[in-house]
Structures are given as C-alpha cells and as structure tokens.
C-alpha cells in the first residue's frame, strides 16, 4: 500500500511538472518597437505589402525536442502590419496603394520560431525571428534582412507569461531594426 502511494505521489509530481508542456499556448503579442519619429518621409508616398512567409504557422512547441502543445499567435500578422504602418507614418511617409506610388516596400516574415532543447540540468530556449525587406524605387532595388537569435540555457523553462515576454522581446527587437534602418529610409525617399 505504501509503495503504491509513493508511486502515485511520484507520478503526480511528474505530471504536474510536465503538464504545462502539453497545454497549447496562444501568445499575447504586444508590439512596442521604438521608432525615431522624424519627418524624413514627408511627402513620400509608399505602398507597403506585408507577407507571412514562414514555413509553419506554429511558432514552436512547449515541450522538449518538438513535443508538447503548440505555440501560436492568432493575431500575429495584423499586429505586425499595424506596427509597421504606424512606424512609417511616424516618419511621415504616406502609405498608399501600389497604383499611387512608384515606391514599393514588401516585408516578409520569414521566421518566428521557438525551440526547447533538453540538457542535463538545464534546458535550452532558442528563439529566432527573421524579417526581410525588399523595396523598389523606380528602377532601383533595396534588400535587407533583419534577424534576432537568442539561445539561452535555463533551469526552468518559462511559463505562459514568461513565454509571452520572451517572444515579444524577440519580435520587438527585430521590428526595431527594421523601423530604424536609415539606409532603408534613405532609399525610400530618393
């Protein structure tokens, strides 16, 4: 009887520790990428197209080695679109349709991934974000890739709120690079 009770306690402890790993997680995105407000784009009309070019809509899994509940972000593209448009408006660019502008900007979200790897005492948390910007101004072209990668060893893998914080930090860092790229701004206004 005592052995069964100890096995029950052990099984309950293991289940409570790993239970969160099998629960799906919808990321709560908060974009607050700082933009240096300016009038650099004053009078410049640009068309912006934003594309989700990831290989999967799933950001990652909550468990080790791709096992566990899916991590998703249902409002990912509308949130990114609003942040990018607001960022260019803060620099006084006029966002128009492709028909009204000779300057076009295509932004592709190429990767937004989260991976947990197993270690002996720690787990590895690997987050990567890749955004590609392609612009055409008349006959000239501009291409730039913005990246965020972070691999960190942790004793405890983050819970839902910690996961939100880590994913938001990665996305905000990458969008900050894009929205504060002076080379891109200068290309758009030529």
N, C-alpha and C. Protein backbone atom coordinates (compact mmCIF):
# COMPACT_ATOMS: atom_id res chain seq x y z
N UNK A 1 0.83 -1.20 0.00
CA UNK A 1 0.00 0.00 0.00
C UNK A 1 0.86 1.26 0.00
N UNK A 2 1.92 1.24 0.81
CA UNK A 2 2.81 2.39 0.90
C UNK A 2 3.54 2.59 -0.42
N UNK A 3 3.96 1.47 -1.07
CA UNK A 3 4.63 1.56 -2.36
C UNK A 3 3.72 2.20 -3.41
N UNK A 4 2.48 1.80 -3.42
CA UNK A 4 1.52 2.36 -4.39
C UNK A 4 1.32 3.85 -4.13
N UNK A 5 1.28 4.22 -2.88
CA UNK A 5 1.10 5.64 -2.54
C UNK A 5 2.31 6.45 -3.01
N UNK A 6 3.52 5.93 -2.82
CA UNK A 6 4.74 6.62 -3.26
C UNK A 6 4.77 6.74 -4.78
N UNK A 7 4.36 5.67 -5.47
CA UNK A 7 4.31 5.73 -6.93
C UNK A 7 3.27 6.76 -7.39
N UNK A 8 2.15 6.80 -6.70
CA UNK A 8 1.13 7.80 -7.03
C UNK A 8 1.66 9.22 -6.85
N UNK A 9 2.35 9.46 -5.74
CA UNK A 9 2.93 10.79 -5.46
C UNK A 9 3.97 11.13 -6.52
N UNK A 10 4.83 10.19 -6.87
CA UNK A 10 5.86 10.42 -7.89
C UNK A 10 5.22 10.72 -9.24
N UNK A 11 4.24 9.92 -9.61
CA UNK A 11 3.54 10.13 -10.88
C UNK A 11 2.84 11.50 -10.90
N UNK A 12 2.22 11.88 -9.81
CA UNK A 12 1.54 13.18 -9.71
C UNK A 12 2.53 14.33 -9.83
N UNK A 13 3.69 14.18 -9.20
CA UNK A 13 4.73 15.21 -9.28
C UNK A 13 5.23 15.37 -10.71
N UNK A 14 5.51 14.26 -11.36
CA UNK A 14 5.98 14.30 -12.75
C UNK A 14 4.93 14.93 -13.65
N UNK A 15 3.69 14.54 -13.47
CA UNK A 15 2.60 15.09 -14.28
C UNK A 15 2.44 16.59 -14.06
N UNK A 16 2.56 17.05 -12.84
CA UNK A 16 2.41 18.48 -12.57
C UNK A 16 3.56 19.28 -13.15
N UNK A 17 4.76 18.70 -13.17
CA UNK A 17 5.92 19.40 -13.73
C UNK A 17 5.82 19.49 -15.25
N UNK A 18 5.37 18.42 -15.89
CA UNK A 18 5.34 18.40 -17.35
C UNK A 18 3.98 18.78 -17.92
N UNK A 19 2.99 18.96 -17.10
CA UNK A 19 1.64 19.22 -17.58
C UNK A 19 1.53 20.44 -18.46
N UNK A 20 2.22 21.50 -18.11
CA UNK A 20 2.17 22.73 -18.91
C UNK A 20 2.73 22.53 -20.29
N UNK A 21 3.70 21.61 -20.43
CA UNK A 21 4.33 21.39 -21.72
C UNK A 21 3.35 20.87 -22.76
N UNK A 22 2.28 20.26 -22.30
CA UNK A 22 1.32 19.69 -23.25
C UNK A 22 0.10 20.57 -23.45
N UNK A 23 0.08 21.72 -22.81
CA UNK A 23 -1.02 22.66 -22.96
C UNK A 23 -0.68 23.63 -24.08
N UNK A 24 -1.54 23.79 -25.09
CA UNK A 24 -1.28 24.76 -26.16
C UNK A 24 -1.18 26.18 -25.57
N UNK A 25 -0.41 27.03 -26.24
CA UNK A 25 -0.23 28.41 -25.77
C UNK A 25 -0.48 29.38 -26.92
N UNK A 26 -1.39 30.31 -26.71
CA UNK A 26 -1.61 31.40 -27.67
C UNK A 26 -0.88 32.63 -27.15
N UNK A 27 0.10 33.06 -27.90
CA UNK A 27 0.95 34.17 -27.49
C UNK A 27 0.18 35.48 -27.52
N UNK A 28 0.31 36.24 -26.45
CA UNK A 28 -0.28 37.57 -26.37
C UNK A 28 0.77 38.56 -26.85
N UNK A 29 0.61 39.07 -28.07
CA UNK A 29 1.61 39.95 -28.66
C UNK A 29 1.37 41.40 -28.27
N UNK A 30 2.45 42.05 -27.89
CA UNK A 30 2.43 43.47 -27.59
C UNK A 30 3.63 44.09 -28.30
N UNK A 31 3.35 44.85 -29.35
CA UNK A 31 4.43 45.47 -30.11
C UNK A 31 4.63 46.89 -29.58
N UNK A 32 5.84 47.15 -29.13
CA UNK A 32 6.21 48.49 -28.69
C UNK A 32 7.61 48.81 -29.18
N UNK A 33 7.86 48.48 -30.44
CA UNK A 33 9.17 48.74 -31.05
C UNK A 33 9.35 50.25 -31.18
N UNK A 34 10.34 50.81 -30.50
CA UNK A 34 10.54 52.25 -30.57
C UNK A 34 10.97 52.70 -31.96
N UNK A 35 10.37 53.77 -32.42
CA UNK A 35 10.68 54.35 -33.73
C UNK A 35 11.13 55.78 -33.49
N UNK A 36 12.23 56.13 -34.14
CA UNK A 36 12.70 57.51 -34.05
C UNK A 36 11.79 58.36 -34.94
N UNK A 37 10.84 59.06 -34.31
CA UNK A 37 9.91 59.90 -35.07
C UNK A 37 10.70 61.00 -35.77
N UNK A 38 10.38 61.22 -37.03
CA UNK A 38 11.06 62.25 -37.81
C UNK A 38 10.16 62.64 -38.97
N UNK A 39 10.63 63.56 -39.76
CA UNK A 39 9.89 63.96 -40.95
C UNK A 39 10.63 63.52 -42.21
N UNK A 40 11.48 62.51 -42.10
CA UNK A 40 12.29 62.05 -43.23
C UNK A 40 11.43 61.64 -44.43
N UNK A 41 10.24 61.10 -44.18
CA UNK A 41 9.39 60.63 -45.27
C UNK A 41 8.37 61.64 -45.75
N UNK A 42 8.45 62.86 -45.27
CA UNK A 42 7.45 63.87 -45.59
C UNK A 42 7.31 64.03 -47.11
N UNK A 43 6.09 63.83 -47.58
CA UNK A 43 5.79 63.97 -49.00
C UNK A 43 6.08 62.74 -49.83
N UNK A 44 6.61 61.67 -49.23
CA UNK A 44 6.93 60.45 -49.97
C UNK A 44 5.79 59.44 -49.82
N UNK A 45 5.26 59.04 -50.96
CA UNK A 45 4.20 58.03 -50.97
C UNK A 45 4.83 56.67 -51.18
N UNK A 46 4.49 55.72 -50.31
CA UNK A 46 4.99 54.35 -50.46
C UNK A 46 3.83 53.37 -50.33
N UNK A 47 3.95 52.27 -51.05
CA UNK A 47 3.00 51.17 -50.85
C UNK A 47 3.72 50.10 -50.05
N UNK A 48 3.02 49.55 -49.07
CA UNK A 48 3.62 48.52 -48.21
C UNK A 48 2.77 47.26 -48.31
N UNK A 49 3.46 46.16 -48.56
CA UNK A 49 2.82 44.85 -48.57
C UNK A 49 3.55 43.98 -47.56
N UNK A 50 2.80 43.35 -46.66
CA UNK A 50 3.39 42.54 -45.60
C UNK A 50 2.91 41.10 -45.77
N UNK A 51 3.86 40.18 -45.82
CA UNK A 51 3.57 38.78 -46.15
C UNK A 51 4.08 37.86 -45.03
N UNK A 52 3.25 36.89 -44.68
CA UNK A 52 3.66 35.83 -43.76
C UNK A 52 4.29 34.73 -44.61
N UNK A 53 5.61 34.66 -44.62
CA UNK A 53 6.35 33.74 -45.48
C UNK A 53 7.02 32.63 -44.66
N UNK A 54 6.47 32.34 -43.49
CA UNK A 54 7.03 31.28 -42.64
C UNK A 54 6.66 29.92 -43.19
N UNK A 55 7.46 28.91 -42.85
CA UNK A 55 7.16 27.56 -43.30
C UNK A 55 6.05 26.91 -42.48
N UNK A 56 5.71 27.49 -41.32
CA UNK A 56 4.64 26.96 -40.49
C UNK A 56 4.00 28.09 -39.68
N UNK A 57 2.72 27.99 -39.45
CA UNK A 57 2.01 28.96 -38.62
C UNK A 57 2.26 28.72 -37.14
N UNK A 58 2.81 27.57 -36.82
CA UNK A 58 3.12 27.22 -35.43
C UNK A 58 4.49 27.79 -35.08
N UNK A 59 4.56 28.56 -34.02
CA UNK A 59 5.81 29.18 -33.60
C UNK A 59 6.74 28.14 -33.00
N UNK A 60 6.19 27.22 -32.26
CA UNK A 60 7.01 26.17 -31.65
C UNK A 60 6.16 25.26 -30.79
N UNK A 61 6.83 24.48 -29.98
CA UNK A 61 6.18 23.55 -29.05
C UNK A 61 6.64 23.88 -27.64
N UNK A 62 5.78 23.61 -26.68
CA UNK A 62 6.10 23.92 -25.28
C UNK A 62 6.98 22.87 -24.63
N UNK A 63 7.12 21.74 -25.25
CA UNK A 63 7.94 20.68 -24.67
C UNK A 63 9.28 20.55 -25.36
N UNK A 64 10.09 19.67 -24.85
CA UNK A 64 11.44 19.44 -25.35
C UNK A 64 11.40 18.71 -26.68
N UNK A 65 12.31 19.08 -27.56
CA UNK A 65 12.52 18.41 -28.85
C UNK A 65 11.26 18.34 -29.72
N UNK A 66 10.48 19.40 -29.76
CA UNK A 66 9.32 19.46 -30.64
C UNK A 66 8.12 18.67 -30.16
N UNK A 67 8.08 18.31 -28.89
CA UNK A 67 6.96 17.58 -28.32
C UNK A 67 6.19 18.54 -27.43
N UNK A 68 4.89 18.41 -27.40
CA UNK A 68 4.09 19.22 -26.49
C UNK A 68 3.08 20.07 -27.23
N UNK A 69 2.44 20.96 -26.47
CA UNK A 69 1.41 21.82 -27.02
C UNK A 69 1.97 22.85 -27.97
N UNK A 70 1.18 23.20 -28.99
CA UNK A 70 1.58 24.19 -29.98
C UNK A 70 1.61 25.59 -29.39
N UNK A 71 2.59 26.38 -29.82
CA UNK A 71 2.65 27.80 -29.50
C UNK A 71 2.24 28.54 -30.77
N UNK A 72 1.19 29.32 -30.67
CA UNK A 72 0.69 30.06 -31.83
C UNK A 72 0.46 31.52 -31.45
N UNK A 73 0.18 32.33 -32.45
CA UNK A 73 -0.17 33.73 -32.25
C UNK A 73 -1.20 34.08 -33.32
N UNK A 74 -2.47 33.99 -32.96
CA UNK A 74 -3.54 34.21 -33.93
C UNK A 74 -3.52 35.60 -34.55
N UNK A 75 -3.12 36.60 -33.78
CA UNK A 75 -3.15 37.97 -34.27
C UNK A 75 -1.77 38.46 -34.73
N UNK A 76 -0.89 37.54 -35.08
CA UNK A 76 0.49 37.89 -35.43
C UNK A 76 0.56 38.87 -36.61
N UNK A 77 0.00 38.52 -37.74
CA UNK A 77 0.16 39.37 -38.93
C UNK A 77 -0.58 40.70 -38.81
N UNK A 78 -1.82 40.75 -38.31
CA UNK A 78 -2.44 42.07 -38.12
C UNK A 78 -1.66 42.97 -37.16
N UNK A 79 -1.08 42.37 -36.11
CA UNK A 79 -0.30 43.14 -35.14
C UNK A 79 0.97 43.69 -35.77
N UNK A 80 1.68 42.84 -36.52
CA UNK A 80 2.90 43.28 -37.20
C UNK A 80 2.58 44.35 -38.24
N UNK A 81 1.52 44.14 -39.01
CA UNK A 81 1.13 45.10 -40.05
C UNK A 81 0.85 46.47 -39.43
N UNK A 82 0.08 46.50 -38.37
CA UNK A 82 -0.24 47.78 -37.72
C UNK A 82 1.03 48.45 -37.19
N UNK A 83 1.95 47.68 -36.60
CA UNK A 83 3.19 48.25 -36.05
C UNK A 83 4.06 48.84 -37.16
N UNK A 84 4.17 48.13 -38.27
CA UNK A 84 5.00 48.62 -39.38
C UNK A 84 4.40 49.87 -40.00
N UNK A 85 3.10 49.84 -40.26
CA UNK A 85 2.45 51.02 -40.84
C UNK A 85 2.55 52.22 -39.90
N UNK A 86 2.32 52.01 -38.62
CA UNK A 86 2.44 53.11 -37.65
C UNK A 86 3.87 53.64 -37.59
N UNK A 87 4.85 52.75 -37.70
CA UNK A 87 6.25 53.16 -37.68
C UNK A 87 6.61 54.06 -38.85
N UNK A 88 6.14 53.70 -40.04
CA UNK A 88 6.44 54.54 -41.21
C UNK A 88 5.63 55.83 -41.20
N UNK A 89 4.43 55.79 -40.67
CA UNK A 89 3.64 57.02 -40.52
C UNK A 89 4.31 57.98 -39.53
N UNK A 90 4.95 57.43 -38.48
CA UNK A 90 5.65 58.27 -37.50
C UNK A 90 6.81 59.03 -38.14
N UNK A 91 7.29 58.52 -39.29
CA UNK A 91 8.35 59.19 -40.03
C UNK A 91 7.77 60.00 -41.20
N UNK A 92 6.44 60.18 -41.18
CA UNK A 92 5.68 60.99 -42.12
C UNK A 92 5.63 60.46 -43.55
N UNK A 93 5.85 59.15 -43.72
CA UNK A 93 5.60 58.54 -45.03
C UNK A 93 4.10 58.45 -45.23
N UNK A 94 3.65 58.61 -46.46
CA UNK A 94 2.23 58.45 -46.79
C UNK A 94 2.06 57.06 -47.39
N UNK A 95 1.29 56.23 -46.71
CA UNK A 95 1.08 54.87 -47.19
C UNK A 95 -0.10 54.87 -48.15
N UNK A 96 0.16 54.40 -49.38
CA UNK A 96 -0.86 54.41 -50.43
C UNK A 96 -0.91 53.03 -51.09
N UNK A 97 -1.77 52.93 -52.08
CA UNK A 97 -1.85 51.68 -52.85
C UNK A 97 -0.69 51.64 -53.85
N UNK A 98 -0.45 50.49 -54.40
CA UNK A 98 0.64 50.30 -55.37
C UNK A 98 0.43 51.17 -56.61
N UNK A 99 -0.83 51.45 -56.95
CA UNK A 99 -1.14 52.27 -58.13
C UNK A 99 -0.77 53.73 -57.95
N UNK A 100 -0.72 54.19 -56.71
CA UNK A 100 -0.49 55.61 -56.42
C UNK A 100 0.96 55.93 -56.10
N UNK A 101 1.84 54.95 -56.13
CA UNK A 101 3.21 55.19 -55.71
C UNK A 101 4.20 54.46 -56.61
N UNK A 102 5.35 55.09 -56.84
CA UNK A 102 6.41 54.41 -57.59
C UNK A 102 7.40 53.74 -56.63
N UNK A 103 7.14 53.90 -55.33
CA UNK A 103 8.00 53.30 -54.30
C UNK A 103 7.20 52.19 -53.60
N UNK A 104 7.73 50.97 -53.69
CA UNK A 104 7.04 49.85 -53.04
C UNK A 104 7.97 49.19 -52.02
N UNK A 105 7.37 48.71 -50.95
CA UNK A 105 8.11 48.02 -49.90
C UNK A 105 7.36 46.73 -49.57
N UNK A 106 8.04 45.62 -49.74
CA UNK A 106 7.47 44.32 -49.38
C UNK A 106 8.25 43.79 -48.18
N UNK A 107 7.51 43.47 -47.14
CA UNK A 107 8.12 42.96 -45.91
C UNK A 107 7.63 41.54 -45.70
N UNK A 108 8.58 40.63 -45.54
CA UNK A 108 8.24 39.21 -45.37
C UNK A 108 8.71 38.74 -44.00
N UNK A 109 7.77 38.17 -43.25
CA UNK A 109 8.14 37.49 -42.00
C UNK A 109 8.59 36.10 -42.41
N UNK A 110 9.91 35.87 -42.38
CA UNK A 110 10.46 34.61 -42.85
C UNK A 110 10.51 33.55 -41.76
N UNK A 111 10.70 33.98 -40.50
CA UNK A 111 10.77 33.02 -39.40
C UNK A 111 10.34 33.69 -38.10
N UNK A 112 9.64 32.94 -37.29
CA UNK A 112 9.31 33.31 -35.91
C UNK A 112 9.19 31.98 -35.19
N UNK A 113 10.32 31.53 -34.60
CA UNK A 113 10.41 30.17 -34.09
C UNK A 113 10.87 30.13 -32.64
N UNK A 114 10.36 29.13 -31.95
CA UNK A 114 10.71 28.87 -30.55
C UNK A 114 10.99 27.38 -30.42
N UNK A 115 12.13 27.05 -29.80
CA UNK A 115 12.52 25.65 -29.65
C UNK A 115 13.13 25.45 -28.27
N UNK A 116 12.77 24.35 -27.64
CA UNK A 116 13.36 23.97 -26.35
C UNK A 116 14.18 22.70 -26.58
N UNK A 117 15.42 22.74 -26.13
CA UNK A 117 16.26 21.54 -26.21
C UNK A 117 16.56 21.06 -24.80
N UNK A 118 16.79 19.79 -24.69
CA UNK A 118 16.99 19.17 -23.38
C UNK A 118 18.46 19.14 -23.01
N UNK A 119 18.73 19.46 -21.77
CA UNK A 119 20.08 19.35 -21.22
C UNK A 119 20.01 18.50 -19.97
N UNK A 120 21.15 18.34 -19.29
CA UNK A 120 21.15 17.52 -18.08
C UNK A 120 20.50 18.26 -16.93
N UNK A 121 20.99 19.47 -16.61
CA UNK A 121 20.41 20.25 -15.53
C UNK A 121 19.59 21.42 -16.04
N UNK A 122 19.81 21.78 -17.27
CA UNK A 122 19.12 22.95 -17.83
C UNK A 122 18.47 22.59 -19.15
N UNK A 123 17.61 23.47 -19.60
CA UNK A 123 17.02 23.34 -20.93
C UNK A 123 17.46 24.52 -21.77
N UNK A 124 17.51 24.32 -23.05
CA UNK A 124 17.89 25.41 -23.94
C UNK A 124 16.64 26.03 -24.54
N UNK A 125 16.57 27.34 -24.48
CA UNK A 125 15.46 28.07 -25.10
C UNK A 125 16.06 28.82 -26.29
N UNK A 126 15.61 28.50 -27.48
CA UNK A 126 16.14 29.10 -28.70
C UNK A 126 15.00 29.83 -29.41
N UNK A 127 15.17 31.14 -29.59
CA UNK A 127 14.16 31.95 -30.27
C UNK A 127 14.82 32.60 -31.47
N UNK A 128 14.16 32.56 -32.62
CA UNK A 128 14.68 33.25 -33.80
C UNK A 128 13.55 33.94 -34.55
N UNK A 129 13.87 35.14 -35.03
CA UNK A 129 12.94 35.93 -35.84
C UNK A 129 13.74 36.44 -37.04
N UNK A 130 13.18 36.30 -38.23
CA UNK A 130 13.81 36.82 -39.44
C UNK A 130 12.76 37.58 -40.23
N UNK A 131 13.08 38.83 -40.55
CA UNK A 131 12.21 39.67 -41.38
C UNK A 131 13.04 40.17 -42.55
N UNK A 132 12.49 40.06 -43.75
CA UNK A 132 13.17 40.50 -44.96
C UNK A 132 12.41 41.68 -45.56
N UNK A 133 13.14 42.74 -45.92
CA UNK A 133 12.53 43.90 -46.58
C UNK A 133 13.08 44.00 -48.00
N UNK A 134 12.16 44.12 -48.96
CA UNK A 134 12.53 44.30 -50.36
C UNK A 134 11.81 45.53 -50.86
N UNK A 135 12.57 46.47 -51.42
CA UNK A 135 11.96 47.71 -51.88
C UNK A 135 12.38 48.01 -53.30
N UNK A 136 11.49 48.67 -54.00
CA UNK A 136 11.75 49.13 -55.36
C UNK A 136 11.38 50.60 -55.41
N UNK A 137 12.32 51.39 -55.89
CA UNK A 137 12.11 52.83 -56.06
C UNK A 137 12.49 53.14 -57.50
N UNK A 138 11.48 53.25 -58.34
CA UNK A 138 11.74 53.39 -59.78
C UNK A 138 12.39 52.12 -60.30
N UNK A 139 13.60 52.23 -60.83
CA UNK A 139 14.31 51.05 -61.35
C UNK A 139 15.32 50.49 -60.36
N UNK A 140 15.47 51.13 -59.21
CA UNK A 140 16.44 50.68 -58.21
C UNK A 140 15.79 49.75 -57.19
N UNK A 141 16.61 48.84 -56.66
CA UNK A 141 16.11 47.88 -55.68
C UNK A 141 16.97 47.89 -54.42
N UNK A 142 16.33 47.56 -53.29
CA UNK A 142 16.99 47.51 -51.99
C UNK A 142 16.49 46.27 -51.27
N UNK A 143 17.40 45.49 -50.71
CA UNK A 143 17.04 44.30 -49.94
C UNK A 143 17.84 44.28 -48.64
N UNK A 144 17.16 43.99 -47.54
CA UNK A 144 17.83 43.90 -46.25
C UNK A 144 17.12 42.85 -45.39
N UNK A 145 17.90 42.11 -44.63
CA UNK A 145 17.35 41.11 -43.72
C UNK A 145 17.66 41.53 -42.29
N UNK A 146 16.65 41.42 -41.43
CA UNK A 146 16.77 41.78 -40.01
C UNK A 146 16.57 40.51 -39.21
N UNK A 147 17.48 40.26 -38.25
CA UNK A 147 17.45 39.00 -37.52
C UNK A 147 17.55 39.21 -36.01
N UNK A 148 16.93 38.27 -35.32
CA UNK A 148 17.09 38.16 -33.87
C UNK A 148 17.27 36.67 -33.58
N UNK A 149 18.33 36.33 -32.89
CA UNK A 149 18.52 34.96 -32.43
C UNK A 149 19.02 35.00 -30.99
N UNK A 150 18.49 34.12 -30.19
CA UNK A 150 18.92 34.04 -28.81
C UNK A 150 18.77 32.61 -28.33
N UNK A 151 19.89 32.05 -27.90
CA UNK A 151 19.84 30.72 -27.29
C UNK A 151 20.33 30.88 -25.86
N UNK A 152 19.49 30.47 -24.95
CA UNK A 152 19.78 30.67 -23.53
C UNK A 152 19.53 29.38 -22.77
N UNK A 153 20.43 29.04 -21.88
CA UNK A 153 20.26 27.87 -21.02
C UNK A 153 19.51 28.31 -19.77
N UNK A 154 18.47 27.57 -19.42
CA UNK A 154 17.64 27.92 -18.26
C UNK A 154 17.38 26.68 -17.43
N UNK A 155 17.32 26.87 -16.12
CA UNK A 155 16.98 25.77 -15.23
C UNK A 155 15.49 25.48 -15.36
N UNK A 156 14.68 26.55 -15.43
CA UNK A 156 13.24 26.39 -15.58
C UNK A 156 12.80 27.03 -16.88
N UNK A 157 12.12 26.27 -17.70
CA UNK A 157 11.58 26.80 -18.94
C UNK A 157 10.40 27.69 -18.57
N UNK A 158 10.23 28.85 -19.23
CA UNK A 158 9.22 29.82 -18.82
C UNK A 158 7.78 29.30 -18.92
N UNK A 159 6.97 29.82 -18.01
CA UNK A 159 5.54 29.54 -18.07
C UNK A 159 4.92 30.44 -19.15
N UNK A 160 3.60 30.50 -19.21
CA UNK A 160 2.92 31.27 -20.25
C UNK A 160 3.31 32.73 -20.30
N UNK A 161 3.35 33.42 -19.14
CA UNK A 161 3.68 34.84 -19.16
C UNK A 161 5.15 35.06 -19.50
N UNK A 162 6.03 34.19 -19.04
CA UNK A 162 7.44 34.29 -19.39
C UNK A 162 7.67 34.03 -20.87
N UNK A 163 6.92 33.08 -21.40
CA UNK A 163 6.99 32.78 -22.83
C UNK A 163 6.54 33.98 -23.65
N UNK A 164 5.44 34.62 -23.24
CA UNK A 164 4.97 35.84 -23.91
C UNK A 164 6.06 36.91 -23.89
N UNK A 165 6.68 37.11 -22.73
CA UNK A 165 7.74 38.13 -22.59
C UNK A 165 8.89 37.85 -23.54
N UNK A 166 9.35 36.60 -23.59
CA UNK A 166 10.50 36.24 -24.43
C UNK A 166 10.18 36.40 -25.91
N UNK A 167 9.00 35.95 -26.34
CA UNK A 167 8.63 36.06 -27.75
C UNK A 167 8.39 37.52 -28.16
N UNK A 168 7.77 38.30 -27.28
CA UNK A 168 7.56 39.72 -27.57
C UNK A 168 8.89 40.47 -27.67
N UNK A 169 9.83 40.16 -26.79
CA UNK A 169 11.15 40.81 -26.85
C UNK A 169 11.84 40.52 -28.17
N UNK A 170 11.76 39.28 -28.63
CA UNK A 170 12.40 38.90 -29.90
C UNK A 170 11.76 39.63 -31.08
N UNK A 171 10.44 39.64 -31.13
CA UNK A 171 9.73 40.29 -32.23
C UNK A 171 9.96 41.80 -32.21
N UNK A 172 9.91 42.41 -31.04
CA UNK A 172 10.13 43.85 -30.92
C UNK A 172 11.54 44.24 -31.32
N UNK A 173 12.52 43.44 -30.96
CA UNK A 173 13.91 43.73 -31.34
C UNK A 173 14.07 43.74 -32.86
N UNK A 174 13.47 42.77 -33.53
CA UNK A 174 13.59 42.68 -34.98
C UNK A 174 12.85 43.82 -35.68
N UNK A 175 11.66 44.14 -35.20
CA UNK A 175 10.91 45.26 -35.79
C UNK A 175 11.61 46.59 -35.54
N UNK A 176 12.27 46.74 -34.40
CA UNK A 176 13.03 47.95 -34.12
C UNK A 176 14.15 48.13 -35.13
N UNK A 177 14.83 47.04 -35.48
CA UNK A 177 15.88 47.11 -36.50
C UNK A 177 15.31 47.61 -37.83
N UNK A 178 14.18 47.04 -38.23
CA UNK A 178 13.54 47.42 -39.50
C UNK A 178 13.11 48.87 -39.49
N UNK A 179 12.41 49.27 -38.45
CA UNK A 179 11.80 50.60 -38.42
C UNK A 179 12.82 51.72 -38.17
N UNK A 180 14.03 51.38 -37.76
CA UNK A 180 15.06 52.39 -37.52
C UNK A 180 16.24 52.25 -38.48
N UNK A 181 16.02 51.59 -39.60
CA UNK A 181 17.07 51.41 -40.60
C UNK A 181 17.15 52.66 -41.49
N UNK A 182 18.15 53.48 -41.24
CA UNK A 182 18.31 54.74 -42.00
C UNK A 182 18.61 54.47 -43.47
N UNK A 183 19.31 53.38 -43.77
CA UNK A 183 19.60 53.06 -45.17
C UNK A 183 18.30 52.79 -45.93
N UNK A 184 17.37 52.08 -45.31
CA UNK A 184 16.07 51.84 -45.93
C UNK A 184 15.31 53.14 -46.10
N UNK A 185 15.26 53.96 -45.05
CA UNK A 185 14.56 55.24 -45.15
C UNK A 185 15.12 56.10 -46.27
N UNK A 186 16.44 56.18 -46.35
CA UNK A 186 17.08 56.98 -47.39
C UNK A 186 16.80 56.46 -48.78
N UNK A 187 16.73 55.12 -48.92
CA UNK A 187 16.39 54.54 -50.22
C UNK A 187 14.96 54.90 -50.62
N UNK A 188 14.05 54.84 -49.66
CA UNK A 188 12.64 55.11 -49.96
C UNK A 188 12.40 56.55 -50.41
N UNK A 189 13.19 57.50 -49.93
CA UNK A 189 12.93 58.91 -50.26
C UNK A 189 13.67 59.39 -51.51
N UNK A 190 14.55 58.58 -52.07
CA UNK A 190 15.31 59.01 -53.27
C UNK A 190 14.43 59.07 -54.48
